[in-house]
C-alpha atoms as a PDB file:
ATOM      1  CA  UNK A   1      11.170 -18.071  11.082  1.00  0.00           C
ATOM      2  CA  UNK A   2      11.949 -21.743  11.578  1.00  0.00           C
ATOM      3  CA  UNK A   3      10.305 -23.529   8.687  1.00  0.00           C
ATOM      4  CA  UNK A   4      12.859 -26.086   7.619  1.00  0.00           C
ATOM      5  CA  UNK A   5      15.164 -28.711   9.094  1.00  0.00           C
ATOM      6  CA  UNK A   6      18.229 -26.655   8.199  1.00  0.00           C
ATOM      7  CA  UNK A   7      16.997 -23.523   9.979  1.00  0.00           C
ATOM      8  CA  UNK A   8      16.060 -25.524  13.088  1.00  0.00           C
ATOM      9  CA  UNK A   9      19.537 -27.087  13.133  1.00  0.00           C
ATOM     10  CA  UNK A  10      21.100 -23.657  12.733  1.00  0.00           C
ATOM     11  CA  UNK A  11      18.943 -22.326  15.551  1.00  0.00           C
ATOM     12  CA  UNK A  12      20.075 -25.143  17.873  1.00  0.00           C
ATOM     13  CA  UNK A  13      23.707 -24.195  17.230  1.00  0.00           C
ATOM     14  CA  UNK A  14      23.268 -20.487  17.913  1.00  0.00           C
ATOM     15  CA  UNK A  15      24.839 -18.876  20.962  1.00  0.00           C
ATOM     16  CA  UNK A  16      22.391 -18.317  23.816  1.00  0.00           C
ATOM     17  CA  UNK A  17      23.326 -14.661  23.926  1.00  0.00           C
ATOM     18  CA  UNK A  18      22.432 -14.096  20.279  1.00  0.00           C
ATOM     19  CA  UNK A  19      19.066 -15.834  20.698  1.00  0.00           C
ATOM     20  CA  UNK A  20      18.293 -13.784  23.794  1.00  0.00           C
ATOM     21  CA  UNK A  21      19.282 -10.590  22.012  1.00  0.00           C
ATOM     22  CA  UNK A  22      16.925 -11.251  19.093  1.00  0.00           C
ATOM     23  CA  UNK A  23      14.100 -12.305  21.406  1.00  0.00           C
ATOM     24  CA  UNK A  24      14.458  -9.089  23.387  1.00  0.00           C
ATOM     25  CA  UNK A  25      14.238  -6.752  20.386  1.00  0.00           C
ATOM     26  CA  UNK A  26      11.417  -4.195  20.701  1.00  0.00           C
ATOM     27  CA  UNK A  27      10.384  -4.944  17.095  1.00  0.00           C
ATOM     28  CA  UNK A  28      10.264  -8.721  17.390  1.00  0.00           C
ATOM     29  CA  UNK A  29       7.003  -9.042  15.457  1.00  0.00           C
ATOM     30  CA  UNK A  30       8.357  -6.937  12.584  1.00  0.00           C
ATOM     31  CA  UNK A  31      11.674  -8.803  12.560  1.00  0.00           C
ATOM     32  CA  UNK A  32       9.769 -12.083  12.559  1.00  0.00           C
ATOM     33  CA  UNK A  33       7.617 -10.952   9.620  1.00  0.00           C
ATOM     34  CA  UNK A  34      10.601  -9.994   7.484  1.00  0.00           C
ATOM     35  CA  UNK A  35      12.452 -13.165   8.458  1.00  0.00           C
ATOM     36  CA  UNK A  36       9.519 -15.511   7.834  1.00  0.00           C
ATOM     37  CA  UNK A  37      10.925 -18.583   6.105  1.00  0.00           C
ATOM     38  CA  UNK A  38      14.435 -17.144   6.276  1.00  0.00           C
ATOM     39  CA  UNK A  39      15.519 -18.535   9.621  1.00  0.00           C
ATOM     40  CA  UNK A  40      16.588 -16.489  12.618  1.00  0.00           C
ATOM     41  CA  UNK A  41      18.453 -13.391  11.402  1.00  0.00           C
ATOM     42  CA  UNK A  42      21.983 -12.586  12.493  1.00  0.00           C
ATOM     43  CA  UNK A  43      22.294 -10.411  15.561  1.00  0.00           C
ATOM     44  CA  UNK A  44      24.287  -7.830  13.612  1.00  0.00           C
ATOM     45  CA  UNK A  45      21.554  -7.432  10.966  1.00  0.00           C
ATOM     46  CA  UNK A  46      18.856  -6.988  13.592  1.00  0.00           C
ATOM     47  CA  UNK A  47      20.918  -4.366  15.411  1.00  0.00           C
ATOM     48  CA  UNK A  48      21.706  -2.569  12.173  1.00  0.00           C
ATOM     49  CA  UNK A  49      18.017  -2.377  11.284  1.00  0.00           C
ATOM     50  CA  UNK A  50      17.064  -1.065  14.735  1.00  0.00           C
ATOM     51  CA  UNK A  51      19.737   1.633  14.473  1.00  0.00           C
ATOM     52  CA  UNK A  52      18.484   3.019  11.171  1.00  0.00           C
ATOM     53  CA  UNK A  53      18.038   6.760  11.652  1.00  0.00           C
ATOM     54  CA  UNK A  54      15.648   6.858   8.698  1.00  0.00           C
ATOM     55  CA  UNK A  55      13.191   4.876  10.828  1.00  0.00           C
ATOM     56  CA  UNK A  56      13.234   7.428  13.631  1.00  0.00           C
ATOM     57  CA  UNK A  57      10.467   9.944  14.231  1.00  0.00           C
ATOM     58  CA  UNK A  58      10.875  13.124  12.204  1.00  0.00           C
ATOM     59  CA  UNK A  59      13.636  11.904   9.863  1.00  0.00           C
ATOM     60  CA  UNK A  60      13.947  14.112   6.781  1.00  0.00           C
ATOM     61  CA  UNK A  61      17.185  12.810   5.312  1.00  0.00           C
ATOM     62  CA  UNK A  62      19.644  13.988   7.968  1.00  0.00           C
ATOM     63  CA  UNK A  63      20.635  11.283  10.460  1.00  0.00           C
ATOM     64  CA  UNK A  64      22.256  13.671  12.919  1.00  0.00           C
ATOM     65  CA  UNK A  65      19.016  15.610  13.340  1.00  0.00           C
ATOM     66  CA  UNK A  66      17.202  12.581  14.774  1.00  0.00           C
ATOM     67  CA  UNK A  67      19.976  10.825  16.709  1.00  0.00           C
ATOM     68  CA  UNK A  68      18.085  11.137  20.010  1.00  0.00           C
ATOM     69  CA  UNK A  69      14.630  10.446  18.575  1.00  0.00           C
ATOM     70  CA  UNK A  70      12.746   7.171  19.170  1.00  0.00           C
ATOM     71  CA  UNK A  71      11.924   4.655  16.474  1.00  0.00           C
ATOM     72  CA  UNK A  72       8.830   5.357  14.434  1.00  0.00           C
ATOM     73  CA  UNK A  73       6.983   2.107  15.101  1.00  0.00           C
ATOM     74  CA  UNK A  74       4.315   2.705  12.475  1.00  0.00           C
ATOM     75  CA  UNK A  75       6.919   3.334   9.790  1.00  0.00           C
ATOM     76  CA  UNK A  76       8.897   0.254  10.815  1.00  0.00           C
ATOM     77  CA  UNK A  77       5.709  -1.795  10.576  1.00  0.00           C
ATOM     78  CA  UNK A  78       5.069  -0.577   7.028  1.00  0.00           C
ATOM     79  CA  UNK A  79       8.620  -1.516   6.035  1.00  0.00           C
ATOM     80  CA  UNK A  80       8.234  -4.962   7.578  1.00  0.00           C
ATOM     81  CA  UNK A  81       4.934  -5.436   5.740  1.00  0.00           C
ATOM     82  CA  UNK A  82       6.524  -4.787   2.356  1.00  0.00           C
ATOM     83  CA  UNK A  83       9.557  -6.888   3.267  1.00  0.00           C
ATOM     84  CA  UNK A  84       7.539  -9.812   4.611  1.00  0.00           C
ATOM     85  CA  UNK A  85       9.559 -12.989   3.918  1.00  0.00           C
ATOM     86  CA  UNK A  86      12.131 -10.892   2.055  1.00  0.00           C
ATOM     87  CA  UNK A  87      14.652 -10.610   4.867  1.00  0.00           C
ATOM     88  CA  UNK A  88      15.805  -7.526   6.755  1.00  0.00           C
ATOM     89  CA  UNK A  89      16.430  -4.758   4.188  1.00  0.00           C
ATOM     90  CA  UNK A  90      19.693  -2.858   3.865  1.00  0.00           C
ATOM     91  CA  UNK A  91      19.980   0.751   5.015  1.00  0.00           C
ATOM     92  CA  UNK A  92      20.465   2.090   1.496  1.00  0.00           C
ATOM     93  CA  UNK A  93      17.227   0.527   0.247  1.00  0.00           C
ATOM     94  CA  UNK A  94      15.143   1.742   3.188  1.00  0.00           C
ATOM     95  CA  UNK A  95      16.556   5.258   2.894  1.00  0.00           C
ATOM     96  CA  UNK A  96      15.996   5.348  -0.867  1.00  0.00           C
ATOM     97  CA  UNK A  97      12.346   4.436  -0.361  1.00  0.00           C
ATOM     98  CA  UNK A  98      11.748   6.950   2.432  1.00  0.00           C
ATOM     99  CA  UNK A  99      13.427   9.731   0.446  1.00  0.00           C
ATOM    100  CA  UNK A 100      10.986   9.409  -2.455  1.00  0.00           C
ATOM    101  CA  UNK A 101       9.507  12.831  -3.119  1.00  0.00           C
ATOM    102  CA  UNK A 102       6.314  11.211  -4.383  1.00  0.00           C
ATOM    103  CA  UNK A 103       5.609   9.927  -0.867  1.00  0.00           C
ATOM    104  CA  UNK A 104       5.532  13.420   0.633  1.00  0.00           C
ATOM    105  CA  UNK A 105       2.435  15.456   1.324  1.00  0.00           C
ATOM    106  CA  UNK A 106       1.255  17.538  -1.615  1.00  0.00           C
ATOM    107  CA  UNK A 107       3.420  15.891  -4.286  1.00  0.00           C
ATOM    108  CA  UNK A 108       2.224  16.714  -7.793  1.00  0.00           C
ATOM    109  CA  UNK A 109       5.105  15.365  -9.852  1.00  0.00           C
ATOM    110  CA  UNK A 110       7.892  17.754  -8.796  1.00  0.00           C
ATOM    111  CA  UNK A 111      10.167  16.456  -6.022  1.00  0.00           C
ATOM    112  CA  UNK A 112      11.767  19.845  -5.385  1.00  0.00           C
ATOM    113  CA  UNK A 113       8.412  21.405  -4.545  1.00  0.00           C
ATOM    114  CA  UNK A 114       7.911  19.062  -1.582  1.00  0.00           C
ATOM    115  CA  UNK A 115      11.483  18.641  -0.354  1.00  0.00           C
ATOM    116  CA  UNK A 116      10.644  20.082   3.082  1.00  0.00           C
ATOM    117  CA  UNK A 117       7.276  18.386   3.427  1.00  0.00           C
ATOM    118  CA  UNK A 118       6.698  15.404   5.745  1.00  0.00           C
ATOM    119  CA  UNK A 119       5.807  11.932   4.532  1.00  0.00           C
ATOM    120  CA  UNK A 120       2.193  11.312   3.634  1.00  0.00           C
ATOM    121  CA  UNK A 121       1.444   8.606   6.191  1.00  0.00           C
ATOM    122  CA  UNK A 122      -1.896   7.609   4.701  1.00  0.00           C
ATOM    123  CA  UNK A 123      -0.238   7.145   1.332  1.00  0.00           C
ATOM    124  CA  UNK A 124       2.538   4.996   2.774  1.00  0.00           C
ATOM    125  CA  UNK A 125      -0.111   2.844   4.428  1.00  0.00           C
ATOM    126  CA  UNK A 126      -1.755   2.238   1.042  1.00  0.00           C
ATOM    127  CA  UNK A 127       1.543   1.573  -0.727  1.00  0.00           C
ATOM    128  CA  UNK A 128       2.665  -0.879   1.963  1.00  0.00           C
ATOM    129  CA  UNK A 129      -0.685  -2.674   1.728  1.00  0.00           C
ATOM    130  CA  UNK A 130      -0.388  -3.224  -2.022  1.00  0.00           C
ATOM    131  CA  UNK A 131       3.293  -4.131  -1.748  1.00  0.00           C
ATOM    132  CA  UNK A 132       2.856  -6.502   1.172  1.00  0.00           C
ATOM    133  CA  UNK A 133       5.435  -9.254   0.694  1.00  0.00           C
ATOM    134  CA  UNK A 134       6.604  -7.701  -2.582  1.00  0.00           C
ATOM    135  CA  UNK A 135       9.605  -5.800  -1.247  1.00  0.00           C
ATOM    136  CA  UNK A 136      10.252  -2.051  -1.290  1.00  0.00           C
ATOM    137  CA  UNK A 137       8.894  -0.723  -4.605  1.00  0.00           C
ATOM    138  CA  UNK A 138      11.054   1.156  -7.104  1.00  0.00           C
ATOM    139  CA  UNK A 139      10.686   4.913  -7.509  1.00  0.00           C
ATOM    140  CA  UNK A 140       9.490   4.633 -11.107  1.00  0.00           C
ATOM    141  CA  UNK A 141       6.652   2.281 -10.170  1.00  0.00           C
ATOM    142  CA  UNK A 142       5.474   4.369  -7.215  1.00  0.00           C
ATOM    143  CA  UNK A 143       5.561   7.559  -9.265  1.00  0.00           C
ATOM    144  CA  UNK A 144       3.726   5.934 -12.163  1.00  0.00           C
ATOM    145  CA  UNK A 145       0.959   4.845  -9.795  1.00  0.00           C
ATOM    146  CA  UNK A 146       0.645   8.234  -8.101  1.00  0.00           C
ATOM    147  CA  UNK A 147       0.618  10.122 -11.406  1.00  0.00           C
ATOM    148  CA  UNK A 148      -2.474   8.313 -12.651  1.00  0.00           C
ATOM    149  CA  UNK A 149      -5.063  10.879 -13.599  1.00  0.00           C
ATOM    150  CA  UNK A 150      -7.809   8.376 -12.819  1.00  0.00           C
ATOM    151  CA  UNK A 151      -6.875   8.529  -9.130  1.00  0.00           C
ATOM    152  CA  UNK A 152      -7.359  12.282  -8.892  1.00  0.00           C
ATOM    153  CA  UNK A 153     -10.428  14.031  -7.585  1.00  0.00           C
ATOM    154  CA  UNK A 154     -13.098  14.657 -10.203  1.00  0.00           C
ATOM    155  CA  UNK A 155     -11.694  12.318 -12.877  1.00  0.00           C
ATOM    156  CA  UNK A 156     -14.273  11.383 -15.483  1.00  0.00           C
ATOM    157  CA  UNK A 157     -12.034   9.771 -18.088  1.00  0.00           C
ATOM    158  CA  UNK A 158      -9.964  12.798 -19.128  1.00  0.00           C
ATOM    159  CA  UNK A 159      -6.526  13.043 -17.483  1.00  0.00           C
ATOM    160  CA  UNK A 160      -5.962  16.565 -18.771  1.00  0.00           C
ATOM    161  CA  UNK A 161      -9.084  17.831 -17.022  1.00  0.00           C
ATOM    162  CA  UNK A 162      -7.712  16.880 -13.592  1.00  0.00           C
ATOM    163  CA  UNK A 163      -4.126  18.052 -14.031  1.00  0.00           C
ATOM    164  CA  UNK A 164      -3.046  19.746 -10.804  1.00  0.00           C
ATOM    165  CA  UNK A 165      -5.825  18.135  -8.805  1.00  0.00           C
ATOM    166  CA  UNK A 166      -4.961  16.244  -5.592  1.00  0.00           C
ATOM    167  CA  UNK A 167      -5.221  12.493  -5.214  1.00  0.00           C
ATOM    168  CA  UNK A 168      -8.582  11.127  -4.217  1.00  0.00           C
ATOM    169  CA  UNK A 169      -7.379   9.449  -1.034  1.00  0.00           C
ATOM    170  CA  UNK A 170     -10.576   7.451  -0.530  1.00  0.00           C
ATOM    171  CA  UNK A 171     -10.308   6.091  -4.052  1.00  0.00           C
ATOM    172  CA  UNK A 172      -6.655   5.166  -3.490  1.00  0.00           C
ATOM    173  CA  UNK A 173      -7.763   3.385  -0.332  1.00  0.00           C
ATOM    174  CA  UNK A 174     -10.323   1.316  -2.263  1.00  0.00           C
ATOM    175  CA  UNK A 175      -7.750   0.377  -4.901  1.00  0.00           C
ATOM    176  CA  UNK A 176      -5.209  -0.612  -2.232  1.00  0.00           C
ATOM    177  CA  UNK A 177      -7.814  -2.764  -0.491  1.00  0.00           C
ATOM    178  CA  UNK A 178      -8.464  -4.757  -3.650  1.00  0.00           C
ATOM    179  CA  UNK A 179      -4.770  -4.914  -4.559  1.00  0.00           C
ATOM    180  CA  UNK A 180      -3.524  -5.847  -1.101  1.00  0.00           C
ATOM    181  CA  UNK A 181      -0.407  -8.003  -1.542  1.00  0.00           C
ATOM    182  CA  UNK A 182      -0.678  -7.828  -5.334  1.00  0.00           C
ATOM    183  CA  UNK A 183       1.724  -5.004  -6.031  1.00  0.00           C
ATOM    184  CA  UNK A 184       1.017  -1.619  -7.596  1.00  0.00           C
ATOM    185  CA  UNK A 185      -1.588  -2.053 -10.353  1.00  0.00           C
ATOM    186  CA  UNK A 186      -1.094  -0.928 -13.947  1.00  0.00           C
ATOM    187  CA  UNK A 187      -2.786   2.243 -15.183  1.00  0.00           C
ATOM    188  CA  UNK A 188      -4.844   0.410 -17.822  1.00  0.00           C
ATOM    189  CA  UNK A 189      -6.378  -1.904 -15.230  1.00  0.00           C
ATOM    190  CA  UNK A 190      -7.213   0.889 -12.777  1.00  0.00           C
ATOM    191  CA  UNK A 191      -8.750   3.015 -15.529  1.00  0.00           C
ATOM    192  CA  UNK A 192     -10.774   0.100 -16.860  1.00  0.00           C
ATOM    193  CA  UNK A 193     -12.218  -0.472 -13.379  1.00  0.00           C
ATOM    194  CA  UNK A 194     -13.016   3.190 -12.715  1.00  0.00           C
ATOM    195  CA  UNK A 195     -14.632   3.599 -16.129  1.00  0.00           C
ATOM    196  CA  UNK A 196     -17.200   0.904 -15.397  1.00  0.00           C
ATOM    197  CA  UNK A 197     -20.608   2.470 -15.973  1.00  0.00           C
ATOM    198  CA  UNK A 198     -22.110   0.037 -13.470  1.00  0.00           C
ATOM    199  CA  UNK A 199     -20.196   1.849 -10.726  1.00  0.00           C
ATOM    200  CA  UNK A 200     -21.869   5.162 -11.500  1.00  0.00           C
ATOM    201  CA  UNK A 201     -24.816   6.672  -9.695  1.00  0.00           C
ATOM    202  CA  UNK A 202     -28.180   5.597 -10.991  1.00  0.00           C
ATOM    203  CA  UNK A 203     -26.977   2.678 -13.100  1.00  0.00           C
ATOM    204  CA  UNK A 204     -29.807   0.309 -13.890  1.00  0.00           C
ATOM    205  CA  UNK A 205     -28.213  -1.822 -16.574  1.00  0.00           C
ATOM    206  CA  UNK A 206     -27.846   0.770 -19.353  1.00  0.00           C
ATOM    207  CA  UNK A 207     -24.323   2.227 -19.550  1.00  0.00           C
ATOM    208  CA  UNK A 208     -25.240   5.080 -21.891  1.00  0.00           C
ATOM    209  CA  UNK A 209     -27.806   6.423 -19.441  1.00  0.00           C
ATOM    210  CA  UNK A 210     -25.139   7.179 -16.801  1.00  0.00           C
ATOM    211  CA  UNK A 211     -22.155   8.183 -18.948  1.00  0.00           C
ATOM    212  CA  UNK A 212     -21.993  11.666 -17.364  1.00  0.00           C
ATOM    213  CA  UNK A 213     -22.729  10.564 -13.819  1.00  0.00           C
ATOM    214  CA  UNK A 214     -20.107  10.418 -11.031  1.00  0.00           C
ATOM    215  CA  UNK A 215     -19.038   7.247  -9.280  1.00  0.00           C
ATOM    216  CA  UNK A 216     -21.386   5.865  -6.667  1.00  0.00           C
ATOM    217  CA  UNK A 217     -18.960   5.873  -3.752  1.00  0.00           C
ATOM    218  CA  UNK A 218     -21.117   3.576  -1.637  1.00  0.00           C
ATOM    219  CA  UNK A 219     -21.088   0.962  -4.385  1.00  0.00           C
ATOM    220  CA  UNK A 220     -17.331   1.306  -4.940  1.00  0.00           C
ATOM    221  CA  UNK A 221     -16.817   0.883  -1.212  1.00  0.00           C
ATOM    222  CA  UNK A 222     -18.825  -2.349  -1.132  1.00  0.00           C
ATOM    223  CA  UNK A 223     -17.175  -3.769  -4.227  1.00  0.00           C
ATOM    224  CA  UNK A 224     -13.690  -3.000  -2.886  1.00  0.00           C
ATOM    225  CA  UNK A 225     -14.537  -4.645   0.422  1.00  0.00           C
ATOM    226  CA  UNK A 226     -15.768  -7.836  -1.234  1.00  0.00           C
ATOM    227  CA  UNK A 227     -12.766  -7.855  -3.568  1.00  0.00           C
ATOM    228  CA  UNK A 228     -10.208  -7.308  -0.796  1.00  0.00           C
ATOM    229  CA  UNK A 229      -6.894  -8.876  -1.850  1.00  0.00           C
ATOM    230  CA  UNK A 230      -8.616 -10.368  -4.923  1.00  0.00           C
ATOM    231  CA  UNK A 231      -7.483  -7.737  -7.393  1.00  0.00           C
ATOM    232  CA  UNK A 232      -9.601  -5.388  -9.510  1.00  0.00           C
ATOM    233  CA  UNK A 233     -12.747  -7.283 -10.545  1.00  0.00           C
ATOM    234  CA  UNK A 234     -13.863  -7.767 -14.152  1.00  0.00           C
ATOM    235  CA  UNK A 235     -16.782  -5.816 -15.597  1.00  0.00           C
ATOM    236  CA  UNK A 236     -19.028  -8.867 -16.050  1.00  0.00           C
ATOM    237  CA  UNK A 237     -18.618  -9.901 -12.407  1.00  0.00           C
ATOM    238  CA  UNK A 238     -19.387  -6.433 -11.051  1.00  0.00           C
ATOM    239  CA  UNK A 239     -22.380  -6.057 -13.341  1.00  0.00           C
ATOM    240  CA  UNK A 240     -23.723  -9.487 -12.433  1.00  0.00           C
ATOM    241  CA  UNK A 241     -23.486  -8.655  -8.727  1.00  0.00           C
ATOM    242  CA  UNK A 242     -25.136  -5.245  -9.065  1.00  0.00           C
ATOM    243  CA  UNK A 243     -27.947  -6.580 -11.232  1.00  0.00           C
ATOM    244  CA  UNK A 244     -28.697  -9.255  -8.675  1.00  0.00           C
ATOM    245  CA  UNK A 245     -28.512  -6.711  -5.871  1.00  0.00           C
ATOM    246  CA  UNK A 246     -30.966  -4.454  -7.692  1.00  0.00           C
ATOM    247  CA  UNK A 247     -33.317  -7.375  -8.379  1.00  0.00           C
ATOM    248  CA  UNK A 248     -33.273  -8.451  -4.720  1.00  0.00           C
ATOM    249  CA  UNK A 249     -33.938  -4.903  -3.567  1.00  0.00           C
ATOM    250  CA  UNK A 250     -36.921  -4.566  -5.911  1.00  0.00           C
ATOM    251  CA  UNK A 251     -38.345  -7.863  -4.698  1.00  0.00           C
ATOM    252  CA  UNK A 252     -38.047  -6.623  -1.128  1.00  0.00           C
ATOM    253  CA  UNK A 253     -39.640  -3.300  -2.012  1.00  0.00           C
ATOM    254  CA  UNK A 254     -36.459  -1.322  -1.317  1.00  0.00           C
ATOM    255  CA  UNK A 255     -35.699   1.789  -3.345  1.00  0.00           C
ATOM    256  CA  UNK A 256     -31.949   1.977  -4.134  1.00  0.00           C
END
């Protein structure tokens, strides 16, 4: 939090009580993450953040209903991840994000249909990973990402064929791994990656031979791991890696 001469000077002039109050906060790590490079936050802003009812366990939009509930530490951590170095967010922005219908379990494009459903925690984990240090994403961008047909179970290039299908959570996880800290990727880039013939089962260098085959999940898993935080890799790089892998396996007498 203290990364410049000005912030150090400001820190030295702070009241002991305010410093002690910030140091004693139960979410010190999260506060520190959001305040990285911003200097020590004001006591009032820290207290306001810790009092947010929308960060309490079980919040569904009604503050009064959770007034005696404890803070949801996992949720607060996700918020701090997205707001890394962005400062402590205002109540309105945090609430707006947590009220997004698209973040609720079972969302298929209609907010009203999931109004009483809880948040999809796995999904929030993926969103916070991609938006690490990018701030709380706008509704339009989150919805656009979650509406991608290519991220639904059984997608083979035709969005219409998977209408009504649920998200492929494992696939979303792989995409979020590669896009960690890079923001929500564009549809064209995700589709281009998932259409790569070299990622399909049985690929041996000829795309046409595997055009009707499903994705080789083991290969996608390895590629996403190696490309963690590097973004979605280009076709030539993935192909070059898989061709070399196949060649090495053949030399070692391993059947892939």
